[in-house]
C-alpha atoms as a PDB file:
ATOM      1  CA  MET A   1      61.531 -48.729  33.342  1.00  0.00           C
ATOM      2  CA  ASN A   2      58.379 -47.124  34.699  1.00  0.00           C
ATOM      3  CA  ARG A   3      56.140 -50.242  34.452  1.00  0.00           C
ATOM      4  CA  GLN A   4      53.490 -49.580  37.062  1.00  0.00           C
ATOM      5  CA  PHE A   5      50.759 -48.975  34.462  1.00  0.00           C
ATOM      6  CA  ARG A   6      47.842 -51.390  34.593  1.00  0.00           C
ATOM      7  CA  LYS A   7      47.852 -53.875  31.738  1.00  0.00           C
ATOM      8  CA  ASP A   8      44.072 -54.290  31.863  1.00  0.00           C
ATOM      9  CA  TYR A   9      43.590 -50.560  31.234  1.00  0.00           C
ATOM     10  CA  TRP A  10      46.388 -49.698  28.849  1.00  0.00           C
ATOM     11  CA  ILE A  11      46.605 -51.657  25.598  1.00  0.00           C
ATOM     12  CA  LYS A  12      48.871 -51.468  22.610  1.00  0.00           C
ATOM     13  CA  GLY A  13      46.966 -50.822  19.426  1.00  0.00           C
ATOM     14  CA  PRO A  14      43.209 -50.913  18.866  1.00  0.00           C
ATOM     15  CA  ARG A  15      41.127 -54.044  19.334  1.00  0.00           C
ATOM     16  CA  SER A  16      38.740 -54.207  16.430  1.00  0.00           C
ATOM     17  CA  LEU A  17      35.355 -55.860  16.540  1.00  0.00           C
ATOM     18  CA  SER A  18      34.535 -58.487  13.980  1.00  0.00           C
ATOM     19  CA  GLY A  19      31.864 -57.620  11.427  1.00  0.00           C
ATOM     20  CA  ARG A  20      29.348 -59.811  13.247  1.00  0.00           C
ATOM     21  CA  GLU A  21      30.107 -58.241  16.654  1.00  0.00           C
ATOM     22  CA  ARG A  22      29.844 -54.756  15.192  1.00  0.00           C
ATOM     23  CA  MET A  23      26.432 -55.486  13.637  1.00  0.00           C
ATOM     24  CA  GLU A  24      25.147 -57.084  16.867  1.00  0.00           C
ATOM     25  CA  ARG A  25      26.164 -54.043  18.907  1.00  0.00           C
ATOM     26  CA  LEU A  26      24.665 -51.636  16.376  1.00  0.00           C
ATOM     27  CA  ARG A  27      21.376 -53.565  16.357  1.00  0.00           C
ATOM     28  CA  ALA A  28      21.320 -53.472  20.179  1.00  0.00           C
ATOM     29  CA  HIS A  29      21.939 -49.697  20.272  1.00  0.00           C
ATOM     30  CA  ARG A  30      18.950 -47.860  21.803  1.00  0.00           C
ATOM     31  CA  VAL A  31      17.708 -44.595  20.315  1.00  0.00           C
ATOM     32  CA  MET A  32      14.721 -42.275  20.597  1.00  0.00           C
ATOM     33  CA  LEU A  33      13.341 -39.638  18.242  1.00  0.00           C
ATOM     34  CA  GLN A  34      13.517 -36.171  19.830  1.00  0.00           C
ATOM     35  CA  PRO A  35      11.046 -33.788  18.106  1.00  0.00           C
ATOM     36  CA  GLN A  36       7.770 -34.475  16.373  1.00  0.00           C
ATOM     37  CA  PRO A  37       8.374 -36.347  13.086  1.00  0.00           C
ATOM     38  CA  SER A  38       6.851 -33.429  11.140  1.00  0.00           C
ATOM     39  CA  ALA A  39       9.645 -31.193  12.502  1.00  0.00           C
ATOM     40  CA  VAL A  40      12.319 -33.453  10.996  1.00  0.00           C
ATOM     41  CA  PRO A  41      13.275 -32.410   7.478  1.00  0.00           C
ATOM     42  CA  SER A  42      12.668 -35.341   5.152  1.00  0.00           C
ATOM     43  CA  VAL A  43      15.554 -34.413   2.867  1.00  0.00           C
ATOM     44  CA  MET A  44      16.861 -37.938   2.504  1.00  0.00           C
ATOM     45  CA  GLY A  45      13.559 -39.807   2.205  1.00  0.00           C
ATOM     46  CA  TYR A  46      13.579 -41.362   5.669  1.00  0.00           C
ATOM     47  CA  GLY A  47       9.780 -41.152   6.082  1.00  0.00           C
ATOM     48  CA  THR A  48       9.277 -44.874   6.707  1.00  0.00           C
ATOM     49  CA  ILE A  49      12.072 -44.934   9.283  1.00  0.00           C
ATOM     50  CA  LEU A  50      10.629 -41.860  11.022  1.00  0.00           C
ATOM     51  CA  GLU A  51       7.272 -43.633  11.237  1.00  0.00           C
ATOM     52  CA  ALA A  52       8.958 -46.538  13.049  1.00  0.00           C
ATOM     53  CA  LEU A  53      10.550 -44.073  15.494  1.00  0.00           C
ATOM     54  CA  ALA A  54       7.452 -41.854  15.864  1.00  0.00           C
ATOM     55  CA  PRO A  55       6.120 -43.207  19.183  1.00  0.00           C
ATOM     56  CA  HIS A  56       9.036 -41.330  20.865  1.00  0.00           C
ATOM     57  CA  LYS A  57       9.909 -44.333  22.990  1.00  0.00           C
ATOM     58  CA  PRO A  58      13.298 -45.999  23.303  1.00  0.00           C
ATOM     59  CA  VAL A  59      13.839 -48.648  20.640  1.00  0.00           C
ATOM     60  CA  THR A  60      16.852 -50.563  19.413  1.00  0.00           C
ATOM     61  CA  LEU A  61      18.007 -50.237  15.838  1.00  0.00           C
ATOM     62  CA  GLY A  62      17.309 -53.981  15.594  1.00  0.00           C
ATOM     63  CA  GLN A  63      13.660 -53.394  16.543  1.00  0.00           C
ATOM     64  CA  VAL A  64      13.417 -50.722  13.845  1.00  0.00           C
ATOM     65  CA  GLU A  65      14.940 -53.193  11.386  1.00  0.00           C
ATOM     66  CA  GLN A  66      12.389 -55.892  12.308  1.00  0.00           C
ATOM     67  CA  ALA A  67       9.478 -53.439  12.004  1.00  0.00           C
ATOM     68  CA  LEU A  68      10.630 -52.303   8.553  1.00  0.00           C
ATOM     69  CA  LYS A  69      11.726 -55.683   7.172  1.00  0.00           C
ATOM     70  CA  PRO A  70       8.329 -56.295   5.482  1.00  0.00           C
ATOM     71  CA  LYS A  71       8.716 -52.950   3.682  1.00  0.00           C
ATOM     72  CA  GLY A  72      12.126 -53.953   2.328  1.00  0.00           C
ATOM     73  CA  VAL A  73      14.137 -51.345   4.236  1.00  0.00           C
ATOM     74  CA  SER A  74      17.719 -52.516   4.726  1.00  0.00           C
ATOM     75  CA  PHE A  75      19.675 -52.200   7.966  1.00  0.00           C
ATOM     76  CA  GLY A  76      22.248 -50.146   6.063  1.00  0.00           C
ATOM     77  CA  LEU A  77      19.609 -47.520   5.259  1.00  0.00           C
ATOM     78  CA  ILE A  78      18.373 -47.559   8.867  1.00  0.00           C
ATOM     79  CA  LEU A  79      21.937 -47.037  10.082  1.00  0.00           C
ATOM     80  CA  GLN A  80      22.493 -44.209   7.577  1.00  0.00           C
ATOM     81  CA  ALA A  81      19.251 -42.538   8.696  1.00  0.00           C
ATOM     82  CA  ALA A  82      20.213 -42.947  12.372  1.00  0.00           C
ATOM     83  CA  MET A  83      23.592 -41.309  11.758  1.00  0.00           C
ATOM     84  CA  TYR A  84      21.989 -38.411   9.867  1.00  0.00           C
ATOM     85  CA  LEU A  85      19.245 -37.935  12.475  1.00  0.00           C
ATOM     86  CA  CYS A  86      21.727 -38.114  15.384  1.00  0.00           C
ATOM     87  CA  GLY A  87      24.023 -35.606  13.689  1.00  0.00           C
ATOM     88  CA  SER A  88      21.145 -33.194  13.098  1.00  0.00           C
ATOM     89  CA  GLY A  89      19.902 -33.476  16.698  1.00  0.00           C
ATOM     90  CA  HIS A  90      16.663 -35.292  15.893  1.00  0.00           C
ATOM     91  CA  LEU A  91      17.634 -38.695  17.305  1.00  0.00           C
ATOM     92  CA  ALA A  92      19.294 -39.336  20.657  1.00  0.00           C
ATOM     93  CA  ALA A  93      21.097 -42.313  22.107  1.00  0.00           C
ATOM     94  CA  VAL A  94      19.215 -43.812  25.051  1.00  0.00           C
ATOM     95  CA  GLN A  95      20.662 -45.177  28.288  1.00  0.00           C
ATOM     96  CA  ASP A  96      19.837 -48.670  29.535  1.00  0.00           C
ATOM     97  CA  GLU A  97      16.919 -49.097  31.935  1.00  0.00           C
ATOM     98  CA  GLY A  98      19.163 -49.327  35.007  1.00  0.00           C
ATOM     99  CA  ALA A  99      20.868 -46.019  34.242  1.00  0.00           C
ATOM    100  CA  ILE A 100      17.510 -44.365  33.513  1.00  0.00           C
ATOM    101  CA  ALA A 101      16.066 -45.557  36.833  1.00  0.00           C
ATOM    102  CA  GLN A 102      19.159 -44.339  38.678  1.00  0.00           C
ATOM    103  CA  ALA A 103      19.061 -40.910  36.982  1.00  0.00           C
ATOM    104  CA  LYS A 104      15.306 -40.260  37.358  1.00  0.00           C
ATOM    105  CA  LYS A 105      15.323 -39.097  40.973  1.00  0.00           C
ATOM    106  CA  ARG A 106      18.251 -36.710  40.495  1.00  0.00           C
ATOM    107  CA  ALA A 107      16.855 -35.416  37.193  1.00  0.00           C
ATOM    108  CA  HIS A 108      13.499 -34.768  38.865  1.00  0.00           C
ATOM    109  CA  LYS A 109      15.163 -32.771  41.675  1.00  0.00           C
ATOM    110  CA  LEU A 110      17.316 -30.821  39.218  1.00  0.00           C
ATOM    111  CA  ASN A 111      14.329 -30.052  36.969  1.00  0.00           C
ATOM    112  CA  ALA A 112      12.271 -28.898  39.961  1.00  0.00           C
ATOM    113  CA  HIS A 113      15.053 -26.459  40.847  1.00  0.00           C
ATOM    114  CA  LEU A 114      15.457 -25.265  37.240  1.00  0.00           C
ATOM    115  CA  LEU A 115      11.706 -24.792  36.826  1.00  0.00           C
ATOM    116  CA  GLY A 116      11.706 -22.694  40.001  1.00  0.00           C
ATOM    117  CA  LEU A 117      14.281 -20.419  38.377  1.00  0.00           C
ATOM    118  CA  ALA A 118      11.907 -19.886  35.432  1.00  0.00           C
ATOM    119  CA  ARG A 119       9.820 -17.558  37.638  1.00  0.00           C
ATOM    120  CA  ASP A 120      12.602 -14.987  37.564  1.00  0.00           C
ATOM    121  CA  SER A 121      14.527 -15.586  34.347  1.00  0.00           C
ATOM    122  CA  ASP A 122      14.542 -17.151  30.907  1.00  0.00           C
ATOM    123  CA  ALA A 123      18.241 -18.085  31.195  1.00  0.00           C
ATOM    124  CA  ILE A 124      17.618 -21.842  31.454  1.00  0.00           C
ATOM    125  CA  VAL A 125      16.919 -23.359  28.051  1.00  0.00           C
ATOM    126  CA  GLN A 126      17.153 -27.092  28.795  1.00  0.00           C
ATOM    127  CA  LEU A 127      15.898 -29.531  31.382  1.00  0.00           C
ATOM    128  CA  ALA A 128      17.506 -32.823  32.412  1.00  0.00           C
ATOM    129  CA  ASN A 129      16.412 -35.931  30.517  1.00  0.00           C
ATOM    130  CA  PRO A 130      17.145 -39.161  32.410  1.00  0.00           C
ATOM    131  CA  THR A 131      16.321 -41.258  29.341  1.00  0.00           C
ATOM    132  CA  THR A 132      19.137 -39.830  27.240  1.00  0.00           C
ATOM    133  CA  GLY A 133      21.387 -38.681  30.083  1.00  0.00           C
ATOM    134  CA  GLY A 134      21.472 -35.224  28.529  1.00  0.00           C
ATOM    135  CA  GLY A 135      19.212 -32.221  28.224  1.00  0.00           C
ATOM    136  CA  VAL A 136      16.069 -31.432  26.312  1.00  0.00           C
ATOM    137  CA  ALA A 137      15.236 -27.962  25.022  1.00  0.00           C
ATOM    138  CA  VAL A 138      12.216 -26.425  26.759  1.00  0.00           C
ATOM    139  CA  GLU A 139      11.043 -22.898  25.968  1.00  0.00           C
ATOM    140  CA  HIS A 140      10.549 -20.438  28.822  1.00  0.00           C
ATOM    141  CA  VAL A 141       6.749 -20.334  28.650  1.00  0.00           C
ATOM    142  CA  GLN A 142       6.647 -24.138  28.558  1.00  0.00           C
ATOM    143  CA  GLN A 143       8.842 -24.151  31.677  1.00  0.00           C
ATOM    144  CA  LEU A 144       6.326 -21.893  33.415  1.00  0.00           C
ATOM    145  CA  PHE A 145       3.504 -24.258  32.432  1.00  0.00           C
ATOM    146  CA  LEU A 146       5.495 -27.231  33.773  1.00  0.00           C
ATOM    147  CA  LEU A 147       6.205 -25.349  36.994  1.00  0.00           C
ATOM    148  CA  LYS A 148       2.506 -24.698  37.509  1.00  0.00           C
ATOM    149  CA  LEU A 149       1.663 -28.322  36.716  1.00  0.00           C
ATOM    150  CA  SER A 150       4.330 -29.898  38.903  1.00  0.00           C
ATOM    151  CA  GLN A 151       4.692 -27.568  41.876  1.00  0.00           C
ATOM    152  CA  GLU A 152       1.737 -25.282  41.969  1.00  0.00           C
ATOM    153  CA  GLY A 153      -0.969 -27.865  41.219  1.00  0.00           C
ATOM    154  CA  GLY A 154      -2.719 -26.147  38.319  1.00  0.00           C
ATOM    155  CA  LYS A 155      -4.317 -28.397  35.744  1.00  0.00           C
ATOM    156  CA  GLN A 156      -6.613 -26.251  33.597  1.00  0.00           C
ATOM    157  CA  PRO A 157      -5.264 -24.411  30.529  1.00  0.00           C
ATOM    158  CA  ALA A 158      -6.626 -21.104  31.822  1.00  0.00           C
ATOM    159  CA  GLU A 159      -4.736 -21.568  35.124  1.00  0.00           C
ATOM    160  CA  LEU A 160      -1.506 -22.352  33.279  1.00  0.00           C
ATOM    161  CA  ALA A 161      -1.892 -19.349  31.001  1.00  0.00           C
ATOM    162  CA  GLU A 162      -2.693 -17.007  33.918  1.00  0.00           C
ATOM    163  CA  PHE A 163       0.334 -18.253  35.894  1.00  0.00           C
ATOM    164  CA  ALA A 164       2.673 -17.808  32.910  1.00  0.00           C
ATOM    165  CA  TRP A 165       1.183 -14.385  32.097  1.00  0.00           C
ATOM    166  CA  GLN A 166       1.760 -13.164  35.668  1.00  0.00           C
ATOM    167  CA  ALA A 167       5.332 -14.494  35.754  1.00  0.00           C
ATOM    168  CA  LEU A 168       6.107 -12.771  32.455  1.00  0.00           C
ATOM    169  CA  GLN A 169       4.606  -9.521  33.771  1.00  0.00           C
ATOM    170  CA  VAL A 170       6.838  -9.653  36.861  1.00  0.00           C
ATOM    171  CA  GLN A 171       9.859 -10.260  34.634  1.00  0.00           C
ATOM    172  CA  GLY A 172       8.840  -7.417  32.302  1.00  0.00           C
ATOM    173  CA  ARG A 173       9.004  -9.772  29.316  1.00  0.00           C
ATOM    174  CA  PRO A 174       6.682  -9.150  26.394  1.00  0.00           C
ATOM    175  CA  VAL A 175       4.461 -11.824  24.917  1.00  0.00           C
ATOM    176  CA  LEU A 176       4.537 -11.787  21.127  1.00  0.00           C
ATOM    177  CA  ARG A 177       1.684 -12.516  18.761  1.00  0.00           C
ATOM    178  CA  ASP A 178       2.427 -12.332  15.040  1.00  0.00           C
ATOM    179  CA  GLY A 179       5.722 -10.623  15.886  1.00  0.00           C
ATOM    180  CA  LYS A 180       4.047  -7.811  17.867  1.00  0.00           C
ATOM    181  CA  ALA A 181       4.231  -7.400  21.636  1.00  0.00           C
ATOM    182  CA  LEU A 182       0.961  -7.786  23.499  1.00  0.00           C
ATOM    183  CA  PRO A 183       0.350  -5.387  26.368  1.00  0.00           C
ATOM    184  CA  LEU A 184       1.410  -6.956  29.651  1.00  0.00           C
ATOM    185  CA  GLN A 185      -1.698  -5.806  31.452  1.00  0.00           C
ATOM    186  CA  ARG A 186      -4.228  -8.423  32.308  1.00  0.00           C
ATOM    187  CA  ARG A 187      -7.361  -8.220  30.240  1.00  0.00           C
ATOM    188  CA  ALA A 188     -10.677  -8.202  32.065  1.00  0.00           C
END
């Protein structure tokens, strides 16, 4: 009776990909390693695959396969490693170049606003990442350094440290060294 549903949107039953289509789409899938490779636990012996991902630039799983073909690494192992690394938060799916370009301006504006909030609070723990379309964890002190670099114009390590130190003093937040709080009074 009620037949106004769109036939191009609603389908009956799943439409499966063929094995060839599935492999083509998996090989075309873009990913990027998130942390430093040394921070990734090498529980499963994915060292060679991590080396191929180490430049921290978007690559397709097919490109990883081609880079590791001379070493005899199968696509099945690459896919298994990608699933493990994605599940553990060490590998992220990457948007296509058009989506990245479209998201960059808004992500930059959002990050500028969030970095401005870092002067008063440590409540923000992630910044926008236009490459993945998600967030990336950034510690509070790192946010203060980025704020100084991007908005305040500081470039020298001493300037960054002084800016962060003053912001932490205003917030009444201790700086820890070896688990002990350092006095929040500027040293002469």
